[in-house]
C-alpha atoms as a PDB file:
ATOM      1  CA  MET A   1     -98.128  60.999-205.119  1.00  0.00           C
ATOM      2  CA  THR A   2    -100.850  59.788-202.549  1.00  0.00           C
ATOM      3  CA  VAL A   3     -99.158  60.306-199.556  1.00  0.00           C
ATOM      4  CA  ASN A   4     -96.580  63.045-198.886  1.00  0.00           C
ATOM      5  CA  VAL A   5     -93.087  62.642-196.516  1.00  0.00           C
ATOM      6  CA  THR A   6     -91.281  65.514-194.988  1.00  0.00           C
ATOM      7  CA  VAL A   7     -88.676  65.764-192.055  1.00  0.00           C
ATOM      8  CA  GLY A   8     -88.413  68.640-189.972  1.00  0.00           C
ATOM      9  CA  ALA A   9     -85.714  70.503-188.569  1.00  0.00           C
ATOM     10  CA  ASP A  10     -86.913  69.396-185.210  1.00  0.00           C
ATOM     11  CA  ARG A  11     -86.878  65.824-186.189  1.00  0.00           C
ATOM     12  CA  VAL A  12     -90.670  65.683-186.801  1.00  0.00           C
ATOM     13  CA  GLY A  13     -91.719  63.179-189.757  1.00  0.00           C
ATOM     14  CA  VAL A  14     -95.136  63.897-191.499  1.00  0.00           C
ATOM     15  CA  ILE A  15     -97.062  61.903-193.292  1.00  0.00           C
ATOM     16  CA  GLU A  16    -100.076  63.179-195.384  1.00  0.00           C
ATOM     17  CA  LEU A  17    -102.367  61.338-197.040  1.00  0.00           C
ATOM     18  CA  ASP A  18    -103.102  63.265-200.504  1.00  0.00           C
ATOM     19  CA  ARG A  19    -105.918  62.206-202.068  1.00  0.00           C
ATOM     20  CA  PRO A  20    -108.268  65.149-201.661  1.00  0.00           C
ATOM     21  CA  GLU A  21    -110.450  64.170-204.847  1.00  0.00           C
ATOM     22  CA  ARG A  22    -111.292  61.005-202.793  1.00  0.00           C
ATOM     23  CA  ARG A  23    -111.022  62.983-199.611  1.00  0.00           C
ATOM     24  CA  ASN A  24    -107.970  60.750-198.611  1.00  0.00           C
ATOM     25  CA  ALA A  25    -109.826  57.291-198.890  1.00  0.00           C
ATOM     26  CA  LEU A  26    -107.207  54.210-198.789  1.00  0.00           C
ATOM     27  CA  ASN A  27    -106.476  52.240-201.674  1.00  0.00           C
ATOM     28  CA  VAL A  28    -103.656  49.597-202.470  1.00  0.00           C
ATOM     29  CA  GLU A  29    -101.186  52.159-203.611  1.00  0.00           C
ATOM     30  CA  THR A  30    -101.723  54.594-200.820  1.00  0.00           C
ATOM     31  CA  CYS A  31    -101.486  51.841-198.115  1.00  0.00           C
ATOM     32  CA  ARG A  32     -98.327  50.976-199.809  1.00  0.00           C
ATOM     33  CA  ARG A  33     -96.916  54.269-199.845  1.00  0.00           C
ATOM     34  CA  ILE A  34     -97.762  54.730-195.954  1.00  0.00           C
ATOM     35  CA  VAL A  35     -95.413  51.540-195.553  1.00  0.00           C
ATOM     36  CA  ALA A  36     -92.935  53.066-197.952  1.00  0.00           C
ATOM     37  CA  ALA A  37     -93.294  56.480-195.705  1.00  0.00           C
ATOM     38  CA  THR A  38     -92.508  54.801-192.438  1.00  0.00           C
ATOM     39  CA  GLU A  39     -89.243  53.287-193.770  1.00  0.00           C
ATOM     40  CA  GLU A  40     -88.295  56.198-194.904  1.00  0.00           C
ATOM     41  CA  LEU A  41     -88.864  58.036-191.640  1.00  0.00           C
ATOM     42  CA  ARG A  42     -87.389  55.236-189.606  1.00  0.00           C
ATOM     43  CA  ALA A  43     -84.216  55.284-192.269  1.00  0.00           C
ATOM     44  CA  ALA A  44     -84.308  59.548-191.219  1.00  0.00           C
ATOM     45  CA  ALA A  45     -84.053  58.418-187.334  1.00  0.00           C
ATOM     46  CA  VAL A  46     -86.997  60.782-186.798  1.00  0.00           C
ATOM     47  CA  ARG A  47     -87.974  61.552-182.930  1.00  0.00           C
ATOM     48  CA  ALA A  48     -91.848  61.826-183.781  1.00  0.00           C
ATOM     49  CA  VAL A  49     -94.361  61.550-186.312  1.00  0.00           C
ATOM     50  CA  MET A  50     -97.470  63.237-187.515  1.00  0.00           C
ATOM     51  CA  VAL A  51     -99.891  61.741-189.636  1.00  0.00           C
ATOM     52  CA  THR A  52    -102.541  63.549-191.467  1.00  0.00           C
ATOM     53  CA  GLY A  53    -104.795  64.111-194.426  1.00  0.00           C
ATOM     54  CA  THR A  54    -104.987  67.270-197.118  1.00  0.00           C
ATOM     55  CA  GLY A  55    -107.969  69.479-197.427  1.00  0.00           C
ATOM     56  CA  THR A  56    -111.074  68.795-194.925  1.00  0.00           C
ATOM     57  CA  SER A  57    -110.989  65.046-194.357  1.00  0.00           C
ATOM     58  CA  PHE A  58    -108.476  62.853-192.380  1.00  0.00           C
ATOM     59  CA  CYS A  59    -109.556  59.812-193.973  1.00  0.00           C
ATOM     60  CA  SER A  60    -113.114  58.976-195.371  1.00  0.00           C
ATOM     61  CA  GLY A  61    -112.036  55.237-194.896  1.00  0.00           C
ATOM     62  CA  ALA A  62    -111.269  52.536-197.427  1.00  0.00           C
ATOM     63  CA  ASP A  63    -111.254  53.019-201.544  1.00  0.00           C
ATOM     64  CA  PHE A  64    -114.811  51.274-202.568  1.00  0.00           C
ATOM     65  CA  GLY A  65    -113.398  51.045-205.811  1.00  0.00           C
ATOM     66  CA  GLU A  66    -110.895  48.447-204.195  1.00  0.00           C
ATOM     67  CA  VAL A  67    -112.121  47.424-200.838  1.00  0.00           C
ATOM     68  CA  TYR A  68    -113.232  44.114-202.522  1.00  0.00           C
ATOM     69  CA  GLY A  69    -110.483  43.268-204.848  1.00  0.00           C
ATOM     70  CA  GLU A  70    -107.517  41.096-204.106  1.00  0.00           C
ATOM     71  CA  GLY A  71    -104.693  42.373-201.839  1.00  0.00           C
ATOM     72  CA  PHE A  72    -106.555  45.179-200.120  1.00  0.00           C
ATOM     73  CA  ARG A  73    -107.120  44.061-196.814  1.00  0.00           C
ATOM     74  CA  ASP A  74    -103.397  42.529-196.690  1.00  0.00           C
ATOM     75  CA  ALA A  75    -102.411  46.401-197.792  1.00  0.00           C
ATOM     76  CA  LEU A  76    -104.675  48.009-195.181  1.00  0.00           C
ATOM     77  CA  HIS A  77    -103.099  45.684-192.302  1.00  0.00           C
ATOM     78  CA  ALA A  78     -99.767  46.381-193.534  1.00  0.00           C
ATOM     79  CA  ALA A  79    -100.021  50.217-193.477  1.00  0.00           C
ATOM     80  CA  LEU A  80    -101.966  50.139-189.890  1.00  0.00           C
ATOM     81  CA  ASP A  81     -98.962  47.948-188.458  1.00  0.00           C
ATOM     82  CA  ALA A  82     -96.202  50.106-189.988  1.00  0.00           C
ATOM     83  CA  VAL A  83     -97.699  53.249-188.496  1.00  0.00           C
ATOM     84  CA  HIS A  84     -98.430  51.270-185.120  1.00  0.00           C
ATOM     85  CA  SER A  85     -94.852  49.596-184.664  1.00  0.00           C
ATOM     86  CA  LEU A  86     -92.660  52.571-185.514  1.00  0.00           C
ATOM     87  CA  PRO A  87     -90.497  53.190-182.234  1.00  0.00           C
ATOM     88  CA  VAL A  88     -91.562  56.912-181.714  1.00  0.00           C
ATOM     89  CA  PRO A  89     -94.339  58.685-180.629  1.00  0.00           C
ATOM     90  CA  VAL A  90     -97.003  59.044-183.844  1.00  0.00           C
ATOM     91  CA  VAL A  91     -99.362  61.694-183.610  1.00  0.00           C
ATOM     92  CA  ALA A  92    -102.751  61.674-185.646  1.00  0.00           C
ATOM     93  CA  ALA A  93    -103.851  65.439-186.777  1.00  0.00           C
ATOM     94  CA  VAL A  94    -107.371  64.545-187.316  1.00  0.00           C
ATOM     95  CA  ASN A  95    -108.425  67.407-189.439  1.00  0.00           C
ATOM     96  CA  GLY A  96    -111.514  66.119-190.344  1.00  0.00           C
ATOM     97  CA  PRO A  97    -113.670  63.006-190.768  1.00  0.00           C
ATOM     98  CA  ALA A  98    -111.991  59.473-189.853  1.00  0.00           C
ATOM     99  CA  VAL A  99    -114.268  56.889-191.001  1.00  0.00           C
ATOM    100  CA  GLY A 100    -113.747  52.863-191.101  1.00  0.00           C
ATOM    101  CA  ALA A 101    -110.217  52.670-192.264  1.00  0.00           C
ATOM    102  CA  GLY A 102    -109.993  56.240-191.410  1.00  0.00           C
ATOM    103  CA  THR A 103    -110.653  55.567-187.915  1.00  0.00           C
ATOM    104  CA  GLN A 104    -108.221  52.483-187.859  1.00  0.00           C
ATOM    105  CA  LEU A 105    -105.565  54.443-189.341  1.00  0.00           C
ATOM    106  CA  ALA A 106    -106.032  57.272-186.334  1.00  0.00           C
ATOM    107  CA  ILE A 107    -106.282  54.438-183.532  1.00  0.00           C
ATOM    108  CA  ALA A 108    -103.075  52.886-185.119  1.00  0.00           C
ATOM    109  CA  CYS A 109    -101.125  56.233-183.956  1.00  0.00           C
ATOM    110  CA  ASP A 110    -100.253  56.749-180.086  1.00  0.00           C
ATOM    111  CA  LEU A 111    -102.416  60.011-179.443  1.00  0.00           C
ATOM    112  CA  ARG A 112    -105.014  62.037-181.232  1.00  0.00           C
ATOM    113  CA  VAL A 113    -105.599  65.750-181.891  1.00  0.00           C
ATOM    114  CA  ALA A 114    -108.893  66.192-183.463  1.00  0.00           C
ATOM    115  CA  ALA A 115    -110.132  69.537-185.007  1.00  0.00           C
ATOM    116  CA  PRO A 116    -113.878  70.739-184.524  1.00  0.00           C
ATOM    117  CA  GLY A 117    -114.801  68.959-187.637  1.00  0.00           C
ATOM    118  CA  ALA A 118    -113.397  65.507-186.993  1.00  0.00           C
ATOM    119  CA  VAL A 119    -115.810  62.633-186.447  1.00  0.00           C
ATOM    120  CA  PHE A 120    -115.085  58.770-186.155  1.00  0.00           C
ATOM    121  CA  ALA A 121    -116.584  55.909-187.043  1.00  0.00           C
ATOM    122  CA  LEU A 122    -116.871  52.416-188.148  1.00  0.00           C
ATOM    123  CA  PRO A 123    -120.016  51.157-190.091  1.00  0.00           C
ATOM    124  CA  THR A 124    -119.114  48.020-191.080  1.00  0.00           C
ATOM    125  CA  ALA A 125    -122.149  46.548-190.128  1.00  0.00           C
ATOM    126  CA  ARG A 126    -124.002  48.338-192.433  1.00  0.00           C
ATOM    127  CA  LEU A 127    -121.872  47.380-195.288  1.00  0.00           C
ATOM    128  CA  GLY A 128    -121.551  43.958-193.875  1.00  0.00           C
ATOM    129  CA  LEU A 129    -117.724  44.039-193.856  1.00  0.00           C
ATOM    130  CA  ALA A 130    -115.581  43.405-190.800  1.00  0.00           C
ATOM    131  CA  VAL A 131    -112.368  45.068-189.091  1.00  0.00           C
ATOM    132  CA  ASN A 132    -109.632  42.460-187.800  1.00  0.00           C
ATOM    133  CA  PRO A 133    -109.735  41.834-184.100  1.00  0.00           C
ATOM    134  CA  TRP A 134    -106.780  43.985-183.682  1.00  0.00           C
ATOM    135  CA  THR A 135    -108.764  46.959-184.262  1.00  0.00           C
ATOM    136  CA  ILE A 136    -111.137  46.083-181.811  1.00  0.00           C
ATOM    137  CA  ARG A 137    -108.677  45.411-179.214  1.00  0.00           C
ATOM    138  CA  ARG A 138    -107.146  48.643-179.983  1.00  0.00           C
ATOM    139  CA  LEU A 139    -110.567  50.592-179.730  1.00  0.00           C
ATOM    140  CA  VAL A 140    -111.592  49.018-176.556  1.00  0.00           C
ATOM    141  CA  GLN A 141    -108.155  49.933-175.170  1.00  0.00           C
ATOM    142  CA  ILE A 142    -107.993  53.403-176.335  1.00  0.00           C
ATOM    143  CA  GLY A 143    -111.693  54.633-176.110  1.00  0.00           C
ATOM    144  CA  GLY A 144    -113.000  51.653-173.585  1.00  0.00           C
ATOM    145  CA  GLY A 145    -115.484  48.950-174.242  1.00  0.00           C
ATOM    146  CA  ALA A 146    -118.523  51.693-174.520  1.00  0.00           C
ATOM    147  CA  THR A 147    -117.117  53.710-176.899  1.00  0.00           C
ATOM    148  CA  ALA A 148    -116.099  50.386-178.861  1.00  0.00           C
ATOM    149  CA  ARG A 149    -120.140  49.280-178.926  1.00  0.00           C
ATOM    150  CA  ALA A 150    -121.268  52.194-179.971  1.00  0.00           C
ATOM    151  CA  LEU A 151    -118.923  52.253-183.024  1.00  0.00           C
ATOM    152  CA  LEU A 152    -119.395  48.749-183.884  1.00  0.00           C
ATOM    153  CA  LEU A 153    -122.834  47.862-182.718  1.00  0.00           C
ATOM    154  CA  ALA A 154    -124.948  50.748-183.132  1.00  0.00           C
ATOM    155  CA  CYS A 155    -122.675  52.183-186.088  1.00  0.00           C
ATOM    156  CA  ASP A 156    -122.591  55.652-184.321  1.00  0.00           C
ATOM    157  CA  THR A 157    -120.953  58.459-185.100  1.00  0.00           C
ATOM    158  CA  VAL A 158    -118.716  59.915-182.492  1.00  0.00           C
ATOM    159  CA  GLY A 159    -117.718  63.770-182.710  1.00  0.00           C
ATOM    160  CA  ALA A 160    -114.465  65.315-181.639  1.00  0.00           C
ATOM    161  CA  GLU A 161    -115.880  66.712-178.269  1.00  0.00           C
ATOM    162  CA  LEU A 162    -117.385  63.456-177.155  1.00  0.00           C
ATOM    163  CA  ALA A 163    -114.420  61.807-178.517  1.00  0.00           C
ATOM    164  CA  LEU A 164    -112.180  63.577-175.984  1.00  0.00           C
ATOM    165  CA  GLY A 165    -114.701  62.836-173.313  1.00  0.00           C
ATOM    166  CA  ARG A 166    -114.109  59.552-173.937  1.00  0.00           C
ATOM    167  CA  GLY A 167    -110.290  59.030-174.390  1.00  0.00           C
ATOM    168  CA  LEU A 168    -110.685  58.378-178.139  1.00  0.00           C
ATOM    169  CA  VAL A 169    -109.201  61.505-178.137  1.00  0.00           C
ATOM    170  CA  ASP A 170    -106.252  63.108-176.391  1.00  0.00           C
ATOM    171  CA  ARG A 171    -106.476  66.947-177.015  1.00  0.00           C
ATOM    172  CA  LEU A 172    -108.683  69.351-179.197  1.00  0.00           C
ATOM    173  CA  GLY A 173    -107.397  71.491-182.384  1.00  0.00           C
ATOM    174  CA  PRO A 174    -105.835  72.166-185.479  1.00  0.00           C
ATOM    175  CA  VAL A 175    -103.563  70.548-187.390  1.00  0.00           C
ATOM    176  CA  ASP A 176    -100.726  73.335-185.966  1.00  0.00           C
ATOM    177  CA  ASP A 177    -101.272  71.972-182.332  1.00  0.00           C
ATOM    178  CA  ALA A 178    -100.708  68.328-183.245  1.00  0.00           C
ATOM    179  CA  ARG A 179     -97.298  69.435-185.055  1.00  0.00           C
ATOM    180  CA  ALA A 180     -96.487  71.544-181.609  1.00  0.00           C
ATOM    181  CA  LEU A 181     -97.111  68.350-179.905  1.00  0.00           C
ATOM    182  CA  ALA A 182     -95.364  65.890-182.134  1.00  0.00           C
ATOM    183  CA  ALA A 183     -92.028  68.475-181.887  1.00  0.00           C
ATOM    184  CA  GLU A 184     -92.962  68.532-178.129  1.00  0.00           C
ATOM    185  CA  LEU A 185     -92.575  64.482-177.983  1.00  0.00           C
ATOM    186  CA  ALA A 186     -89.580  64.695-180.396  1.00  0.00           C
ATOM    187  CA  GLY A 187     -87.624  66.180-177.407  1.00  0.00           C
ATOM    188  CA  LEU A 188     -88.119  63.636-174.782  1.00  0.00           C
ATOM    189  CA  ALA A 189     -86.148  60.549-174.111  1.00  0.00           C
ATOM    190  CA  PRO A 190     -86.501  58.323-177.139  1.00  0.00           C
ATOM    191  CA  LEU A 191     -85.288  54.970-175.430  1.00  0.00           C
ATOM    192  CA  THR A 192     -87.995  55.685-172.485  1.00  0.00           C
ATOM    193  CA  LEU A 193     -90.767  56.489-175.402  1.00  0.00           C
ATOM    194  CA  ALA A 194     -89.897  53.391-177.059  1.00  0.00           C
ATOM    195  CA  TYR A 195     -90.137  51.215-174.078  1.00  0.00           C
ATOM    196  CA  ASN A 196     -93.332  52.919-172.943  1.00  0.00           C
ATOM    197  CA  LYS A 197     -94.921  52.375-176.269  1.00  0.00           C
ATOM    198  CA  LEU A 198     -93.739  48.666-176.258  1.00  0.00           C
ATOM    199  CA  VAL A 199     -95.469  47.985-172.559  1.00  0.00           C
ATOM    200  CA  LEU A 200     -98.774  50.142-173.692  1.00  0.00           C
ATOM    201  CA  ASP A 201     -99.530  48.211-176.887  1.00  0.00           C
ATOM    202  CA  GLN A 202     -99.518  44.842-175.032  1.00  0.00           C
ATOM    203  CA  VAL A 203    -103.162  43.552-175.245  1.00  0.00           C
ATOM    204  CA  GLU A 204    -104.134  40.118-174.210  1.00  0.00           C
ATOM    205  CA  PRO A 205    -106.481  38.635-176.085  1.00  0.00           C
ATOM    206  CA  ALA A 206    -109.670  37.548-174.403  1.00  0.00           C
ATOM    207  CA  GLU A 207    -110.526  34.625-176.686  1.00  0.00           C
ATOM    208  CA  SER A 208    -107.988  32.367-179.119  1.00  0.00           C
ATOM    209  CA  ASP A 209    -106.885  34.173-182.186  1.00  0.00           C
ATOM    210  CA  ALA A 210    -108.415  30.947-184.286  1.00  0.00           C
ATOM    211  CA  ASP A 211    -111.867  31.948-183.104  1.00  0.00           C
ATOM    212  CA  LEU A 212    -111.564  35.317-183.782  1.00  0.00           C
ATOM    213  CA  LEU A 213    -109.829  35.415-186.874  1.00  0.00           C
ATOM    214  CA  GLU A 214    -112.387  32.290-188.292  1.00  0.00           C
ATOM    215  CA  ALA A 215    -115.314  34.742-187.654  1.00  0.00           C
ATOM    216  CA  PHE A 216    -113.541  37.741-189.093  1.00  0.00           C
ATOM    217  CA  ASP A 217    -112.957  35.485-192.554  1.00  0.00           C
ATOM    218  CA  GLY A 218    -116.281  34.250-192.287  1.00  0.00           C
ATOM    219  CA  CYS A 219    -117.425  37.875-192.716  1.00  0.00           C
ATOM    220  CA  TRP A 220    -115.305  38.296-195.499  1.00  0.00           C
ATOM    221  CA  SER A 221    -116.528  35.377-197.522  1.00  0.00           C
ATOM    222  CA  SER A 222    -120.461  35.891-196.688  1.00  0.00           C
ATOM    223  CA  ALA A 223    -123.296  36.185-198.712  1.00  0.00           C
ATOM    224  CA  ASP A 224    -123.919  39.105-197.003  1.00  0.00           C
ATOM    225  CA  LEU A 225    -120.672  41.029-197.903  1.00  0.00           C
ATOM    226  CA  GLU A 226    -121.595  40.619-201.767  1.00  0.00           C
ATOM    227  CA  GLU A 227    -125.343  41.950-200.728  1.00  0.00           C
ATOM    228  CA  GLY A 228    -123.733  44.890-198.950  1.00  0.00           C
ATOM    229  CA  ARG A 229    -121.310  45.525-201.922  1.00  0.00           C
ATOM    230  CA  ALA A 230    -124.522  45.602-204.129  1.00  0.00           C
ATOM    231  CA  ALA A 231    -127.275  47.554-202.251  1.00  0.00           C
ATOM    232  CA  ARG A 232    -124.632  49.896-202.368  1.00  0.00           C
ATOM    233  CA  SER A 233    -124.193  50.098-206.060  1.00  0.00           C
ATOM    234  CA  GLU A 234    -127.928  49.840-206.455  1.00  0.00           C
ATOM    235  CA  LYS A 235    -128.204  52.522-203.986  1.00  0.00           C
ATOM    236  CA  ARG A 236    -130.862  50.523-201.772  1.00  0.00           C
ATOM    237  CA  VAL A 237    -131.288  49.141-198.328  1.00  0.00           C
ATOM    238  CA  PRO A 238    -129.132  45.959-197.965  1.00  0.00           C
ATOM    239  CA  ALA A 239    -131.080  42.897-196.822  1.00  0.00           C
ATOM    240  CA  TYR A 240    -128.889  40.824-194.750  1.00  0.00           C
ATOM    241  CA  GLU A 241    -129.247  37.344-193.583  1.00  0.00           C
ATOM    242  CA  GLY A 242    -126.322  36.286-191.452  1.00  0.00           C
ATOM    243  CA  ARG A 243    -124.595  34.083-193.618  1.00  0.00           C
END
């Protein structure tokens, strides 16, 4: 299994990424299992959910063995949407690095509790890749424009304490603290929480989706993407040309 699902007596469901040999990197199978996990927890009528990873990583990002392959983006976006659209509060227990798709998964959750070793990064510009417009809007909504620009334009890595100061993280602490928070949320009024989630998640796009999606798709069909892929394979610095 690449994803473990449990339901506690406190009505908290837990989704645990379980690929320690790949530092919990996401592949198509894992993304599909995340979707299945959310469906299982919906059926179990849990009142809160915690998302975390085994070992010392939350999620090291996309599995480079599949990120360039057919179907990966659709599987990833389906997993992010499945977590984000859960009608109950979702707490990310960021127990270690959350890089690339790991940061995306963390911000798909409603709240984030970060352990001291947690870091966030979205180094797409180093790889010639792109995250979808929803990710960028969500990142701005949670961490602010300065944080989004630092992660996406400067390819900075943001540690747990800085993330807390910028609002990207809500609390610092180990997985047990995140579990306790989820249990606390499970005891709150579910209809009110569901309503609050719906309103909080309404973000109006600043530009047309068509323009943004065209630019997004352009990244994935570019020569630069292939250059990033080749450079990584050949262990050299990529030479991007913007085409």
